[in-house]
Amino acid sequence: MSQPGGIEIFRDLFIVFVAARAFGELFLRLRQPAILGEILAGVLLGPHVLGWVRASGVLSAVAQIGIVFLLFQVGLENRFSDLREVGATATAVAVSGVVVPFAAGYLLLSALGYPSHESLFAGAALVASSASVAARLLRDLGVLQRRESQTILAAAVIDDVLGLLVLAVVAETTRGGFDARSIAVLVVEVAVFLALVATVGTRLVRRLGPRLSRLHLEDGPFVVGVAACLGLAALARAVGLAGTVGAFLAGMLFAEVRESYDMSRTIRPVTNFLTPFFFVVTGTEVVPGTFTRPAVLLLFAGVFAVAVVGKLVPGAIAARRFGPRGALIVGAGMVPRAEVGIIVASLGLSSGVIGERLYPVLLGVSALTWIVAPIALRSLFGRTR
């Protein structure tokens, strides 16, 4: 017997998936991230343009699962051991690149009259740099072995971790107001959670990892990886963190044993299927008419300036030992924002913290940094050859 609304569910899934992949392919051909095409597909399909798709319980659930697997995939590209081995320069670049844009974003929005909770979310959305975009671009340029490139990638990994922690603290603050004691408790919980995963979890995975391929269960390693992803996501939620934090840490655990078993290869098809739903649903919430207002365009320009300068300047200062051009390369490499920025904006909107005027601004800023940073890096690296 067919379920009520079943036709609509599968119709929406079909429309969203096909549109996401088509627009993603188009943007890849334009040498831009597929995510930008998926967001644009959501804008066009959403209730504010064509009206073909509206966010439903099913689409929202699939989107949330998709973003959990995306963060698991990102984690699979980074190891805890890599974080322990990065130099002082990469650490300085990462920390300054978190503190400056967060503070500048918060101060800008506060000065413009936005309430503190919106200002905090805006600052949090400007924190994380995109390790995946940077890695892909540096690989395409053939400069992955350059010291500037290694610094960018190491700092971006630290940025990912710090960005998720900032999100946890900001979410706690906006839920119950600023309470120093509760924030301190949350920070301790986060630190303990990270320490346990990094120590106990790493040892356990290193011991059991080589045995995964010997499991009799079909696709045993895949099953174990998905279980770890969902389990740590649930555990993270239990201690007050976003589920994406747990998924990211689960990925980092399995990155430690990728020589024995490449989890990224088996999980990628699942991520490629589920993740576009998140970015399309994200796009459906955008009201294009918002950008026709002069006040919004000015806000966009201000936030974009903070997003660029807040990463470029502190990154270049922290990497000044590489010389003027090398320092600029590091600073420019930190400018493109990560998926974390879009996730923060989406969480802010869904929780009612961010309004419909600020939401498209944050998405637009993330998209534009993805476009301008590669142009700058190609020019800077080209002049060093």
Protein backbone atom coordinates (compact mmCIF):
# COMPACT_ATOMS: atom_id res chain seq x y z
CA MET A 1 0.00 0.00 0.00
CA SER A 2 1.38 3.40 -0.95
CA GLN A 3 2.00 5.91 1.78
CA PRO A 4 0.37 9.37 1.70
CA GLY A 5 2.71 11.87 0.19
CA GLY A 6 4.99 9.14 -1.14
CA ILE A 7 4.86 10.47 -4.69
CA GLU A 8 5.80 13.96 -3.53
CA ILE A 9 8.73 12.64 -1.48
CA PHE A 10 10.30 10.74 -4.37
CA ARG A 11 9.52 13.56 -6.80
CA ASP A 12 11.32 16.06 -4.58
CA LEU A 13 14.28 13.73 -4.07
CA PHE A 14 14.49 13.18 -7.83
CA ILE A 15 14.30 16.89 -8.69
CA VAL A 16 16.82 17.92 -6.03
CA PHE A 17 19.34 15.19 -6.87
CA VAL A 18 19.25 15.67 -10.65
CA ALA A 19 19.38 19.47 -10.41
CA ALA A 20 22.23 19.34 -7.88
CA ARG A 21 24.37 17.09 -10.06
CA ALA A 22 23.60 19.03 -13.25
CA PHE A 23 24.47 22.39 -11.73
CA GLY A 24 27.49 20.87 -9.98
CA GLU A 25 28.78 19.59 -13.31
CA LEU A 26 28.24 22.99 -14.90
CA PHE A 27 30.23 24.78 -12.20
CA LEU A 28 33.04 22.24 -12.36
CA ARG A 29 33.30 22.92 -16.09
CA LEU A 30 33.57 26.61 -15.17
CA ARG A 31 36.43 25.63 -12.80
CA GLN A 32 34.39 26.53 -9.73
CA PRO A 33 33.41 24.31 -6.75
CA ALA A 34 30.37 22.11 -7.41
CA ILE A 35 28.91 23.24 -4.08
CA LEU A 36 28.27 26.70 -5.55
CA GLY A 37 26.21 25.14 -8.33
CA GLU A 38 24.24 23.05 -5.84
CA ILE A 39 23.38 26.13 -3.77
CA LEU A 40 22.31 27.99 -6.92
CA ALA A 41 20.12 25.03 -7.89
CA GLY A 42 18.41 25.33 -4.52
CA VAL A 43 17.85 29.05 -5.00
CA LEU A 44 16.20 28.47 -8.39
CA LEU A 45 14.14 25.45 -7.31
CA GLY A 46 13.08 26.95 -4.00
CA PRO A 47 9.84 28.66 -3.04
CA HIS A 48 11.18 32.15 -3.80
CA VAL A 49 11.85 31.51 -7.52
CA LEU A 50 10.35 28.50 -9.36
CA GLY A 51 8.64 26.98 -6.33
CA TRP A 52 9.29 23.40 -7.43
CA VAL A 53 10.78 22.28 -4.11
CA ARG A 54 9.97 23.24 -0.55
CA ALA A 55 11.93 22.07 2.47
CA SER A 56 10.12 19.11 4.04
CA GLY A 57 10.82 16.81 6.94
CA VAL A 58 12.23 14.17 4.61
CA LEU A 59 14.45 16.57 2.66
CA SER A 60 15.71 18.18 5.85
CA ALA A 61 16.52 14.78 7.37
CA VAL A 62 18.41 13.66 4.25
CA ALA A 63 20.24 17.01 4.22
CA GLN A 64 21.33 16.62 7.85
CA ILE A 65 22.57 13.09 7.24
CA GLY A 66 24.41 14.37 4.19
CA ILE A 67 26.29 17.05 6.11
CA VAL A 68 27.30 14.52 8.77
CA PHE A 69 28.85 12.32 6.09
CA LEU A 70 30.49 15.32 4.44
CA LEU A 71 32.28 16.21 7.69
CA PHE A 72 33.24 12.54 8.07
CA GLN A 73 34.76 12.69 4.57
CA VAL A 74 36.64 15.92 5.42
CA GLY A 75 37.96 14.29 8.59
CA LEU A 76 39.27 11.35 6.57
CA GLU A 77 41.67 13.78 4.87
CA ASN A 78 43.24 14.89 8.17
CA ARG A 79 45.08 13.02 10.90
CA PHE A 80 45.50 13.78 14.58
CA SER A 81 49.20 13.04 14.11
CA ASP A 82 49.35 15.79 11.46
CA LEU A 83 48.04 18.31 14.00
CA ARG A 84 50.74 17.30 16.48
CA GLU A 85 53.47 17.70 13.87
CA VAL A 86 52.59 21.10 12.43
CA GLY A 87 55.03 23.90 13.09
CA ALA A 88 54.63 27.06 15.07
CA THR A 89 54.01 29.08 11.90
CA ALA A 90 50.98 27.01 10.84
CA THR A 91 49.57 27.18 14.36
CA ALA A 92 50.01 30.96 14.49
CA VAL A 93 48.37 31.34 11.07
CA ALA A 94 45.41 29.20 12.16
CA VAL A 95 44.81 30.79 15.55
CA SER A 96 45.12 34.37 14.32
CA GLY A 97 42.92 33.48 11.35
CA VAL A 98 40.21 32.36 13.76
CA VAL A 99 40.40 35.13 16.34
CA VAL A 100 40.59 38.12 13.95
CA PRO A 101 37.65 37.34 11.59
CA PHE A 102 35.46 36.17 14.46
CA ALA A 103 36.06 39.35 16.45
CA ALA A 104 35.84 41.60 13.37
CA GLY A 105 32.62 39.97 12.16
CA TYR A 106 31.03 40.28 15.57
CA LEU A 107 32.07 43.93 15.96
CA LEU A 108 30.89 44.84 12.44
CA LEU A 109 27.42 43.37 12.91
CA SER A 110 27.13 44.83 16.41
CA ALA A 111 28.08 48.28 15.08
CA LEU A 112 25.36 47.95 12.44
CA GLY A 113 22.77 47.33 15.13
CA TYR A 114 22.38 43.55 14.87
CA PRO A 115 21.61 41.70 18.11
CA SER A 116 24.47 39.88 19.80
CA HIS A 117 23.28 36.38 18.87
CA GLU A 118 23.21 37.20 15.14
CA SER A 119 26.58 38.94 15.42
CA LEU A 120 28.08 35.88 17.12
CA PHE A 121 26.82 33.53 14.40
CA ALA A 122 28.13 35.88 11.71
CA GLY A 123 31.57 35.86 13.34
CA ALA A 124 31.50 32.06 13.64
CA ALA A 125 30.61 31.69 9.95
CA LEU A 126 33.78 33.62 9.00
CA VAL A 127 36.19 31.46 11.02
CA ALA A 128 37.01 28.25 9.16
CA SER A 129 39.15 28.11 6.01
CA SER A 130 38.56 25.43 3.38
CA ALA A 131 41.25 22.76 3.52
CA SER A 132 39.56 20.83 0.71
CA VAL A 133 39.45 23.80 -1.70
CA ALA A 134 43.04 24.76 -0.84
CA ALA A 135 44.31 21.21 -1.29
CA ARG A 136 42.61 20.82 -4.66
CA LEU A 137 43.93 24.14 -5.97
CA LEU A 138 47.49 23.61 -4.71
CA ARG A 139 47.53 20.15 -6.26
CA ASP A 140 46.31 21.53 -9.59
CA LEU A 141 49.04 24.17 -9.50
CA GLY A 142 51.66 21.50 -8.78
CA VAL A 143 52.94 23.28 -5.67
CA LEU A 144 51.88 20.92 -2.89
CA GLN A 145 55.48 20.43 -1.77
CA ARG A 146 56.17 24.15 -1.33
CA ARG A 147 56.61 25.26 2.28
CA GLU A 148 53.85 27.85 1.86
CA SER A 149 51.47 25.12 0.65
CA GLN A 150 52.26 22.85 3.57
CA THR A 151 51.66 25.73 5.96
CA ILE A 152 48.29 26.54 4.34
CA LEU A 153 47.08 22.95 4.54
CA ALA A 154 48.21 22.43 8.15
CA ALA A 155 46.67 25.73 9.26
CA ALA A 156 43.41 24.95 7.43
CA VAL A 157 43.13 21.62 9.28
CA ILE A 158 43.52 23.40 12.62
CA ASP A 159 41.00 25.98 11.41
CA ASP A 160 38.47 23.20 10.77
CA VAL A 161 38.79 21.93 14.34
CA LEU A 162 38.71 25.40 15.90
CA GLY A 163 35.78 26.42 13.71
CA LEU A 164 33.68 23.53 14.97
CA LEU A 165 34.60 24.38 18.56
CA VAL A 166 33.65 28.02 18.02
CA LEU A 167 30.31 26.82 16.64
CA ALA A 168 29.69 24.75 19.78
CA VAL A 169 30.42 27.69 22.09
CA VAL A 170 28.36 30.15 20.01
CA ALA A 171 25.41 27.74 19.87
CA GLU A 172 25.52 27.33 23.65
CA THR A 173 25.71 31.09 24.16
CA THR A 174 22.75 31.85 21.89
CA ARG A 175 20.60 29.15 23.48
CA GLY A 176 20.89 30.34 27.04
CA GLY A 177 22.65 33.70 26.95
CA PHE A 178 26.25 34.21 27.97
CA ASP A 179 26.96 32.29 31.16
CA ALA A 180 30.66 32.08 31.96
CA ARG A 181 30.19 28.96 34.06
CA SER A 182 28.23 27.04 31.42
CA ILE A 183 30.68 28.11 28.71
CA ALA A 184 33.60 26.97 30.86
CA VAL A 185 31.89 23.62 31.45
CA LEU A 186 31.27 23.26 27.70
CA VAL A 187 34.91 24.04 26.88
CA VAL A 188 36.06 21.43 29.40
CA GLU A 189 33.61 18.88 27.97
CA VAL A 190 34.88 19.63 24.47
CA ALA A 191 38.50 19.32 25.58
CA VAL A 192 37.86 15.99 27.33
CA PHE A 193 35.88 14.69 24.36
CA LEU A 194 38.67 15.66 21.95
CA ALA A 195 41.36 14.21 24.22
CA LEU A 196 39.57 10.88 24.59
CA VAL A 197 38.91 10.56 20.87
CA ALA A 198 42.48 11.60 19.99
CA THR A 199 44.12 9.22 22.48
CA VAL A 200 41.90 6.24 23.22
CA GLY A 201 40.13 6.37 19.87
CA THR A 202 43.36 6.66 17.88
CA ARG A 203 44.97 3.71 19.68
CA LEU A 204 41.87 1.57 19.22
CA VAL A 205 41.58 2.32 15.51
CA ARG A 206 45.31 1.75 14.94
CA ARG A 207 45.04 -1.62 16.63
CA LEU A 208 41.87 -2.75 14.88
CA GLY A 209 42.28 -0.92 11.56
CA PRO A 210 44.52 -3.48 9.84
CA ARG A 211 41.98 -6.20 10.71
CA LEU A 212 39.01 -4.48 9.07
CA SER A 213 39.66 -5.97 5.65
CA ARG A 214 39.57 -9.48 7.19
CA LEU A 215 35.99 -9.19 8.43
CA HIS A 216 33.62 -11.81 7.01
CA LEU A 217 30.83 -9.24 6.86
CA GLU A 218 30.42 -7.89 3.34
CA ASP A 219 31.89 -4.38 3.19
CA GLY A 220 32.91 -4.78 6.83
CA PRO A 221 35.22 -1.74 6.94
CA PHE A 222 32.48 0.41 5.43
CA VAL A 223 30.00 -0.79 8.06
CA VAL A 224 32.46 -0.06 10.87
CA GLY A 225 33.22 3.40 9.46
CA VAL A 226 29.54 4.36 9.17
CA ALA A 227 28.88 3.05 12.68
CA ALA A 228 31.76 5.13 14.05
CA CYS A 229 30.55 8.21 12.18
CA LEU A 230 26.97 7.96 13.45
CA GLY A 231 28.03 6.84 16.93
CA LEU A 232 30.44 9.72 17.51
CA ALA A 233 27.91 12.15 16.02
CA ALA A 234 25.35 10.95 18.58
CA LEU A 235 27.94 11.10 21.37
CA ALA A 236 28.90 14.63 20.39
CA ARG A 237 25.25 15.69 20.59
CA ALA A 238 25.02 14.06 24.01
CA VAL A 239 27.81 16.26 25.39
CA GLY A 240 26.41 19.43 23.85
CA LEU A 241 28.37 19.56 20.58
CA ALA A 242 27.05 19.55 17.02
CA GLY A 243 26.82 16.07 15.53
CA THR A 244 29.11 17.23 12.73
CA VAL A 245 31.94 17.56 15.28
CA GLY A 246 31.69 13.88 16.16
CA ALA A 247 31.53 12.90 12.49
CA PHE A 248 34.62 15.00 11.72
CA LEU A 249 36.55 13.38 14.57
CA ALA A 250 35.47 9.91 13.43
CA GLY A 251 36.94 10.68 10.03
CA MET A 252 40.21 11.81 11.60
CA LEU A 253 40.40 8.52 13.49
CA PHE A 254 40.13 6.42 10.34
CA ALA A 255 42.61 8.69 8.57
CA GLU A 256 45.23 7.22 10.92
CA VAL A 257 44.95 3.80 9.25
CA ARG A 258 44.43 4.79 5.63
CA GLU A 259 47.60 2.90 4.64
CA SER A 260 45.85 -0.32 5.73
CA TYR A 261 42.40 0.57 4.47
CA ASP A 262 41.31 3.62 2.49
CA MET A 263 37.95 4.44 4.07
CA SER A 264 37.68 7.56 1.93
CA ARG A 265 37.37 5.48 -1.22
CA THR A 266 34.39 3.47 0.07
CA ILE A 267 32.55 6.33 1.79
CA ARG A 268 32.88 8.79 -1.11
CA PRO A 269 29.90 7.41 -3.15
CA VAL A 270 27.64 7.79 -0.11
CA THR A 271 28.87 11.33 0.49
CA ASN A 272 28.47 12.22 -3.18
CA PHE A 273 24.88 11.01 -3.05
CA LEU A 274 23.78 12.63 0.22
CA THR A 275 25.73 15.89 0.46
CA PRO A 276 24.11 17.70 -2.51
CA PHE A 277 20.77 17.54 -0.70
CA PHE A 278 22.19 19.69 2.11
CA PHE A 279 23.46 22.41 -0.20
CA VAL A 280 20.29 22.45 -2.33
CA VAL A 281 18.11 22.71 0.79
CA THR A 282 20.45 25.48 1.95
CA GLY A 283 19.83 27.34 -1.29
CA THR A 284 16.04 27.02 -1.05
CA GLU A 285 16.12 29.24 2.04
CA VAL A 286 17.69 32.15 0.14
CA VAL A 287 15.41 35.03 -0.86
CA PRO A 288 17.05 36.47 -4.03
CA GLY A 289 15.11 39.72 -3.74
CA THR A 290 17.05 40.47 -0.58
CA PHE A 291 20.05 41.55 -2.67
CA THR A 292 18.01 44.27 -4.38
CA ARG A 293 18.11 46.32 -1.18
CA PRO A 294 21.02 48.79 -1.00
CA ALA A 295 21.42 48.15 2.74
CA VAL A 296 21.96 44.43 2.10
CA LEU A 297 24.51 45.12 -0.65
CA LEU A 298 26.44 47.38 1.73
CA LEU A 299 26.27 44.69 4.42
CA PHE A 300 27.53 42.14 1.89
CA ALA A 301 30.47 44.39 0.97
CA GLY A 302 31.36 44.95 4.62
CA VAL A 303 31.19 41.26 5.58
CA PHE A 304 33.16 40.29 2.48
CA ALA A 305 35.89 42.81 3.34
CA VAL A 306 36.08 41.38 6.86
CA ALA A 307 36.18 37.83 5.46
CA VAL A 308 39.13 38.61 3.17
CA VAL A 309 41.15 40.99 5.32
CA GLY A 310 40.48 38.96 8.48
CA LYS A 311 42.29 35.98 6.95
CA LEU A 312 44.77 37.60 4.58
CA VAL A 313 46.40 40.05 6.99
CA PRO A 314 46.87 37.86 10.11
CA GLY A 315 47.93 34.92 7.92
CA ALA A 316 50.54 37.02 6.13
CA ILE A 317 51.84 38.48 9.40
CA ALA A 318 52.12 35.03 11.01
CA ALA A 319 53.98 33.71 7.90
CA ARG A 320 56.27 36.73 7.46
CA ARG A 321 59.35 34.53 7.76
CA PHE A 322 58.57 33.28 4.22
CA GLY A 323 59.21 36.75 2.81
CA PRO A 324 56.63 39.25 1.45
CA ARG A 325 55.36 37.13 -1.43
CA GLY A 326 55.40 33.87 0.51
CA ALA A 327 53.51 35.53 3.35
CA LEU A 328 50.87 36.80 0.91
CA ILE A 329 50.53 33.29 -0.52
CA VAL A 330 49.81 31.87 2.93
CA GLY A 331 47.35 34.66 3.72
CA ALA A 332 45.53 34.23 0.40
CA GLY A 333 45.40 30.47 0.87
CA MET A 334 43.43 30.95 4.09
CA VAL A 335 40.75 33.17 2.49
CA PRO A 336 38.38 30.57 0.94
CA ARG A 337 35.78 29.60 3.52
CA ALA A 338 34.94 26.04 4.32
CA GLU A 339 31.71 24.11 4.29
CA VAL A 340 31.70 24.88 8.01
CA GLY A 341 30.79 28.50 7.26
CA ILE A 342 27.72 27.42 5.28
CA ILE A 343 26.81 24.93 7.99
CA VAL A 344 26.98 27.65 10.65
CA ALA A 345 24.73 29.95 8.61
CA SER A 346 22.23 27.15 7.98
CA LEU A 347 22.13 26.18 11.65
CA GLY A 348 21.63 29.81 12.58
CA LEU A 349 18.70 30.13 10.17
CA SER A 350 17.03 26.85 11.18
CA SER A 351 17.28 27.76 14.87
CA GLY A 352 15.82 31.21 14.28
CA VAL A 353 18.99 33.03 15.30
CA ILE A 354 19.84 34.43 11.85
CA GLY A 355 17.26 36.33 9.80
CA GLU A 356 16.56 36.05 6.09
CA ARG A 357 18.58 39.23 5.36
CA LEU A 358 21.84 38.04 6.93
CA TYR A 359 21.60 34.42 5.77
CA PRO A 360 22.09 35.01 2.01
CA VAL A 361 24.86 37.48 2.80
CA LEU A 362 26.86 34.81 4.65
CA LEU A 363 26.29 32.28 1.86
CA GLY A 364 27.27 34.82 -0.78
CA VAL A 365 30.44 35.78 1.05
CA SER A 366 31.49 32.12 1.35
CA ALA A 367 30.85 31.61 -2.36
CA LEU A 368 32.77 34.72 -3.44
CA THR A 369 35.82 33.84 -1.32
CA TRP A 370 35.90 30.48 -3.13
CA ILE A 371 36.15 32.39 -6.42
CA VAL A 372 38.63 35.19 -5.64
CA ALA A 373 41.15 33.20 -3.57
CA PRO A 374 42.11 30.76 -6.37
CA ILE A 375 42.62 33.70 -8.75
CA ALA A 376 44.97 35.37 -6.25
CA LEU A 377 46.91 32.16 -5.57
CA ARG A 378 47.39 31.40 -9.27
CA SER A 379 48.81 34.89 -9.76
CA LEU A 380 51.10 34.77 -6.69
CA PHE A 381 52.48 31.30 -7.39
CA GLY A 382 52.88 32.15 -11.06
CA ARG A 383 55.16 35.05 -10.19
CA THR A 384 57.37 32.85 -7.99
CA ARG A 385 58.34 30.50 -10.81
